[in-house]
Amino acid sequence: MTFDLDIAGRVRRVRVDTRDGRLEVAVDDRVFDVDPRSVGRDTLSLLVREGGGAQRSVDAIVTPRAGGSGFDVLLDGHTMPAALVTRFGRRAGEAGASGSGPQQVVAPMPGKILRLLVAPGDAVQPRQGLVVIEAMKMENELRASRAGRVKAVKIAEGQSVEAGALLVTVE
């Protein structure tokens, strides 16, 4: 799968392919062989090799931002803001993150829907979980940015979704 990520203000083309439980991750023109292991709710332990170079261990902590407006990645002691760039040029989660009108919750990256936490007609509060999506062997709970009522749920448990796919609409 290929998608664009805004990483610390710079848009990068990212391609992720799965091979024998490992990942081949290309960021722009750099290709990495990555063996990820989840070691906590938001923490990954990564064995990373670039090209034919030496393998190194890297811990990564990925924390979703409020309102689904992206996530922060702590990597090698540096925190970098990141957000998926949708096909419309917006960062995932920008639509409906604040103000009035419907909040459209979109997939921040390609993944699989593990759990639906709401149904159409349900009332929700700010930061209430709506959907749990698994992406790159991590579970991410997408939350409401403000109070409202679920208008539509566009996905089902077990369904695979692409980055930027509309998941839930809250009015």
C-alpha atoms as a PDB file:
ATOM      1  CA  MET A   1       0.000   0.000   0.000  1.00  0.00           C
ATOM      2  CA  THR A   2       1.182   3.501  -0.790  1.00  0.00           C
ATOM      3  CA  PHE A   3       0.157   6.746   0.862  1.00  0.00           C
ATOM      4  CA  ASP A   4       1.398  10.270   1.558  1.00  0.00           C
ATOM      5  CA  LEU A   5       2.321  11.345   5.092  1.00  0.00           C
ATOM      6  CA  ASP A   6       2.975  14.856   6.313  1.00  0.00           C
ATOM      7  CA  ILE A   7       5.916  14.271   8.659  1.00  0.00           C
ATOM      8  CA  ALA A   8       6.961  17.399  10.565  1.00  0.00           C
ATOM      9  CA  GLY A   9       5.619  19.625   7.794  1.00  0.00           C
ATOM     10  CA  ARG A  10       7.170  17.703   4.893  1.00  0.00           C
ATOM     11  CA  VAL A  11       5.029  15.410   2.719  1.00  0.00           C
ATOM     12  CA  ARG A  12       6.658  12.045   2.103  1.00  0.00           C
ATOM     13  CA  ARG A  13       5.530   9.199  -0.170  1.00  0.00           C
ATOM     14  CA  VAL A  14       5.413   5.985   1.925  1.00  0.00           C
ATOM     15  CA  ARG A  15       5.030   2.445   0.600  1.00  0.00           C
ATOM     16  CA  VAL A  16       4.551  -0.525   2.948  1.00  0.00           C
ATOM     17  CA  ASP A  17       4.649  -4.150   1.777  1.00  0.00           C
ATOM     18  CA  THR A  18       4.363  -7.207   4.040  1.00  0.00           C
ATOM     19  CA  ARG A  19       6.765 -10.104   3.502  1.00  0.00           C
ATOM     20  CA  ASP A  20       6.948 -13.100   5.866  1.00  0.00           C
ATOM     21  CA  GLY A  21       5.799 -11.118   8.905  1.00  0.00           C
ATOM     22  CA  ARG A  22       8.257  -8.318   8.167  1.00  0.00           C
ATOM     23  CA  LEU A  23       7.703  -5.020   6.443  1.00  0.00           C
ATOM     24  CA  GLU A  24       9.462  -3.425   3.530  1.00  0.00           C
ATOM     25  CA  VAL A  25       8.987   0.286   4.069  1.00  0.00           C
ATOM     26  CA  ALA A  26       9.986   2.832   1.436  1.00  0.00           C
ATOM     27  CA  VAL A  27      10.045   6.488   2.457  1.00  0.00           C
ATOM     28  CA  ASP A  28      10.567   8.513  -0.686  1.00  0.00           C
ATOM     29  CA  ASP A  29      13.624   6.766  -2.227  1.00  0.00           C
ATOM     30  CA  ARG A  30      14.955   5.102   0.960  1.00  0.00           C
ATOM     31  CA  VAL A  31      13.996   1.446   1.513  1.00  0.00           C
ATOM     32  CA  PHE A  32      14.010  -0.186   4.947  1.00  0.00           C
ATOM     33  CA  ASP A  33      13.474  -3.788   6.070  1.00  0.00           C
ATOM     34  CA  VAL A  34      11.471  -3.550   9.323  1.00  0.00           C
ATOM     35  CA  ASP A  35      10.573  -6.252  11.834  1.00  0.00           C
ATOM     36  CA  PRO A  36       7.952  -4.649  14.125  1.00  0.00           C
ATOM     37  CA  ARG A  37       6.838  -5.937  17.520  1.00  0.00           C
ATOM     38  CA  SER A  38       4.160  -4.330  19.674  1.00  0.00           C
ATOM     39  CA  VAL A  39       5.460  -3.902  23.231  1.00  0.00           C
ATOM     40  CA  GLY A  40       2.650  -1.750  24.611  1.00  0.00           C
ATOM     41  CA  ARG A  41      -0.542   0.075  23.685  1.00  0.00           C
ATOM     42  CA  ASP A  42       1.233   2.771  21.666  1.00  0.00           C
ATOM     43  CA  THR A  43       4.785   1.396  21.595  1.00  0.00           C
ATOM     44  CA  LEU A  44       6.601  -0.597  18.921  1.00  0.00           C
ATOM     45  CA  SER A  45      10.036  -2.169  19.006  1.00  0.00           C
ATOM     46  CA  LEU A  46      11.482  -2.101  15.498  1.00  0.00           C
ATOM     47  CA  LEU A  47      14.462  -3.943  14.055  1.00  0.00           C
ATOM     48  CA  VAL A  48      15.432  -1.769  11.097  1.00  0.00           C
ATOM     49  CA  ARG A  49      17.909  -2.358   8.276  1.00  0.00           C
ATOM     50  CA  GLU A  50      18.437   0.097   5.440  1.00  0.00           C
ATOM     51  CA  GLY A  51      19.643  -1.514   2.235  1.00  0.00           C
ATOM     52  CA  GLY A  52      22.366  -4.039   3.074  1.00  0.00           C
ATOM     53  CA  GLY A  53      23.492  -2.098   6.164  1.00  0.00           C
ATOM     54  CA  ALA A  54      23.626  -3.169   9.784  1.00  0.00           C
ATOM     55  CA  GLN A  55      20.424  -3.872  11.656  1.00  0.00           C
ATOM     56  CA  ARG A  56      19.526  -1.590  14.565  1.00  0.00           C
ATOM     57  CA  SER A  57      16.828  -1.594  17.218  1.00  0.00           C
ATOM     58  CA  VAL A  58      14.537   1.435  17.451  1.00  0.00           C
ATOM     59  CA  ASP A  59      11.650   2.058  19.847  1.00  0.00           C
ATOM     60  CA  ALA A  60       8.745   4.055  18.453  1.00  0.00           C
ATOM     61  CA  ILE A  61       5.848   5.501  20.425  1.00  0.00           C
ATOM     62  CA  VAL A  62       2.874   6.511  18.294  1.00  0.00           C
ATOM     63  CA  THR A  63       0.244   8.662  20.007  1.00  0.00           C
ATOM     64  CA  PRO A  64      -2.950   9.678  18.180  1.00  0.00           C
ATOM     65  CA  ARG A  65      -3.843  13.363  18.484  1.00  0.00           C
ATOM     66  CA  ALA A  66      -7.232  14.489  19.763  1.00  0.00           C
ATOM     67  CA  GLY A  67      -9.914  14.669  17.100  1.00  0.00           C
ATOM     68  CA  GLY A  68      -8.172  12.300  14.711  1.00  0.00           C
ATOM     69  CA  SER A  69      -5.953  15.120  13.395  1.00  0.00           C
ATOM     70  CA  GLY A  70      -2.920  12.896  13.034  1.00  0.00           C
ATOM     71  CA  PHE A  71      -0.448  11.471  15.487  1.00  0.00           C
ATOM     72  CA  ASP A  72       2.851  12.171  17.177  1.00  0.00           C
ATOM     73  CA  VAL A  73       5.757   9.765  16.720  1.00  0.00           C
ATOM     74  CA  LEU A  74       8.561   9.597  19.303  1.00  0.00           C
ATOM     75  CA  LEU A  75      11.528   8.043  17.511  1.00  0.00           C
ATOM     76  CA  ASP A  76      15.166   8.100  18.607  1.00  0.00           C
ATOM     77  CA  GLY A  77      14.373  10.756  21.233  1.00  0.00           C
ATOM     78  CA  HIS A  78      12.680  13.111  18.743  1.00  0.00           C
ATOM     79  CA  THR A  79       8.932  13.775  18.569  1.00  0.00           C
ATOM     80  CA  MET A  80       7.584  14.331  15.075  1.00  0.00           C
ATOM     81  CA  PRO A  81       4.010  15.303  14.221  1.00  0.00           C
ATOM     82  CA  ALA A  82       2.567  13.242  11.380  1.00  0.00           C
ATOM     83  CA  ALA A  83      -0.720  13.144   9.492  1.00  0.00           C
ATOM     84  CA  LEU A  84      -2.043  11.265   6.511  1.00  0.00           C
ATOM     85  CA  VAL A  85      -2.506  13.423   3.425  1.00  0.00           C
ATOM     86  CA  THR A  86      -5.766  12.485   1.723  1.00  0.00           C
ATOM     87  CA  ARG A  87      -6.325  12.486  -1.996  1.00  0.00           C
ATOM     88  CA  PHE A  88      -7.887  15.949  -1.574  1.00  0.00           C
ATOM     89  CA  GLY A  89      -4.649  17.367  -0.152  1.00  0.00           C
ATOM     90  CA  ARG A  90      -6.014  17.695   3.399  1.00  0.00           C
ATOM     91  CA  ARG A  91      -4.588  16.049   6.469  1.00  0.00           C
ATOM     92  CA  ALA A  92      -6.777  13.178   7.683  1.00  0.00           C
ATOM     93  CA  GLY A  93      -9.052  14.342  10.453  1.00  0.00           C
ATOM     94  CA  GLU A  94      -9.093  18.002   9.400  1.00  0.00           C
ATOM     95  CA  ALA A  95     -12.692  17.883   8.213  1.00  0.00           C
ATOM     96  CA  GLY A  96     -15.010  18.323  11.141  1.00  0.00           C
ATOM     97  CA  ALA A  97     -12.305  18.386  13.819  1.00  0.00           C
ATOM     98  CA  SER A  98     -13.712  21.534  15.367  1.00  0.00           C
ATOM     99  CA  GLY A  99     -16.541  24.007  14.870  1.00  0.00           C
ATOM    100  CA  SER A 100     -19.965  23.052  13.621  1.00  0.00           C
ATOM    101  CA  GLY A 101     -21.256  20.725  10.947  1.00  0.00           C
ATOM    102  CA  PRO A 102     -20.688  17.000  10.629  1.00  0.00           C
ATOM    103  CA  GLN A 103     -17.463  15.439  11.840  1.00  0.00           C
ATOM    104  CA  GLN A 104     -16.239  12.928   9.286  1.00  0.00           C
ATOM    105  CA  VAL A 105     -13.899  10.398  10.856  1.00  0.00           C
ATOM    106  CA  VAL A 106     -11.536   8.927   8.254  1.00  0.00           C
ATOM    107  CA  ALA A 107      -8.943   6.167   8.370  1.00  0.00           C
ATOM    108  CA  PRO A 108      -5.575   7.782   9.195  1.00  0.00           C
ATOM    109  CA  MET A 109      -3.778   5.000   7.297  1.00  0.00           C
ATOM    110  CA  PRO A 110      -4.661   1.744   5.531  1.00  0.00           C
ATOM    111  CA  GLY A 111      -5.784  -0.963   7.954  1.00  0.00           C
ATOM    112  CA  LYS A 112      -8.431  -3.370   9.188  1.00  0.00           C
ATOM    113  CA  ILE A 113     -11.470  -2.475  11.303  1.00  0.00           C
ATOM    114  CA  LEU A 114     -11.209  -4.471  14.538  1.00  0.00           C
ATOM    115  CA  ARG A 115     -14.138  -3.052  16.517  1.00  0.00           C
ATOM    116  CA  LEU A 116     -17.023  -0.662  16.028  1.00  0.00           C
ATOM    117  CA  LEU A 117     -17.713   1.145  19.293  1.00  0.00           C
ATOM    118  CA  VAL A 118     -20.815   3.051  18.141  1.00  0.00           C
ATOM    119  CA  ALA A 119     -23.907   2.590  15.981  1.00  0.00           C
ATOM    120  CA  PRO A 120     -26.056   5.069  14.037  1.00  0.00           C
ATOM    121  CA  GLY A 121     -28.148   7.135  16.455  1.00  0.00           C
ATOM    122  CA  ASP A 122     -25.735   6.807  19.404  1.00  0.00           C
ATOM    123  CA  ALA A 123     -24.913   9.974  21.335  1.00  0.00           C
ATOM    124  CA  VAL A 124     -21.166  10.560  21.743  1.00  0.00           C
ATOM    125  CA  GLN A 125     -19.041  12.798  23.956  1.00  0.00           C
ATOM    126  CA  PRO A 126     -15.724  14.477  23.099  1.00  0.00           C
ATOM    127  CA  ARG A 127     -12.825  11.958  22.992  1.00  0.00           C
ATOM    128  CA  GLN A 128     -15.226   8.989  23.085  1.00  0.00           C
ATOM    129  CA  GLY A 129     -13.969   6.022  21.070  1.00  0.00           C
ATOM    130  CA  LEU A 130     -15.762   5.380  17.788  1.00  0.00           C
ATOM    131  CA  VAL A 131     -13.717   2.765  15.920  1.00  0.00           C
ATOM    132  CA  VAL A 132     -10.653   0.616  16.588  1.00  0.00           C
ATOM    133  CA  ILE A 133      -8.478   0.133  13.496  1.00  0.00           C
ATOM    134  CA  GLU A 134      -5.380  -2.064  13.180  1.00  0.00           C
ATOM    135  CA  ALA A 135      -2.631  -0.632  11.019  1.00  0.00           C
ATOM    136  CA  MET A 136       0.968  -1.886  10.810  1.00  0.00           C
ATOM    137  CA  LYS A 137       0.352  -4.300  13.714  1.00  0.00           C
ATOM    138  CA  MET A 138      -0.888  -1.487  16.003  1.00  0.00           C
ATOM    139  CA  GLU A 139      -4.388  -0.900  17.313  1.00  0.00           C
ATOM    140  CA  ASN A 140      -5.567   2.717  17.092  1.00  0.00           C
ATOM    141  CA  GLU A 141      -8.772   3.991  18.639  1.00  0.00           C
ATOM    142  CA  LEU A 142     -10.308   6.831  16.626  1.00  0.00           C
ATOM    143  CA  ARG A 143     -12.295   9.220  18.798  1.00  0.00           C
ATOM    144  CA  ALA A 144     -14.933  11.916  18.480  1.00  0.00           C
ATOM    145  CA  SER A 145     -13.538  15.449  18.584  1.00  0.00           C
ATOM    146  CA  ARG A 146     -16.761  16.869  20.050  1.00  0.00           C
ATOM    147  CA  ALA A 147     -20.177  15.863  21.349  1.00  0.00           C
ATOM    148  CA  GLY A 148     -22.805  14.809  18.841  1.00  0.00           C
ATOM    149  CA  ARG A 149     -24.884  11.948  17.486  1.00  0.00           C
ATOM    150  CA  VAL A 150     -23.644   9.241  15.119  1.00  0.00           C
ATOM    151  CA  LYS A 151     -25.321   9.812  11.767  1.00  0.00           C
ATOM    152  CA  ALA A 152     -23.683   7.020   9.776  1.00  0.00           C
ATOM    153  CA  VAL A 153     -21.262   4.130  10.140  1.00  0.00           C
ATOM    154  CA  LYS A 154     -19.789   3.325   6.718  1.00  0.00           C
ATOM    155  CA  ILE A 155     -17.724   0.250   7.628  1.00  0.00           C
ATOM    156  CA  ALA A 156     -18.064  -3.176   9.261  1.00  0.00           C
ATOM    157  CA  GLU A 157     -15.855  -5.102  11.664  1.00  0.00           C
ATOM    158  CA  GLY A 158     -13.233  -7.117   9.808  1.00  0.00           C
ATOM    159  CA  GLN A 159     -13.331  -4.829   6.765  1.00  0.00           C
ATOM    160  CA  SER A 160     -10.075  -3.565   5.245  1.00  0.00           C
ATOM    161  CA  VAL A 161      -9.962   0.158   4.507  1.00  0.00           C
ATOM    162  CA  GLU A 162      -7.662   2.459   2.574  1.00  0.00           C
ATOM    163  CA  ALA A 163      -6.147   5.629   3.950  1.00  0.00           C
ATOM    164  CA  GLY A 164      -8.657   8.483   3.944  1.00  0.00           C
ATOM    165  CA  ALA A 165     -11.702   6.173   3.777  1.00  0.00           C
ATOM    166  CA  LEU A 166     -14.778   7.610   5.498  1.00  0.00           C
ATOM    167  CA  LEU A 167     -15.575   5.489   8.587  1.00  0.00           C
ATOM    168  CA  VAL A 168     -18.099   7.354  10.749  1.00  0.00           C
ATOM    169  CA  THR A 169     -20.059  10.613  10.506  1.00  0.00           C
ATOM    170  CA  VAL A 170     -21.024  12.432  13.716  1.00  0.00           C
ATOM    171  CA  GLU A 171     -23.419  15.408  13.665  1.00  0.00           C
END
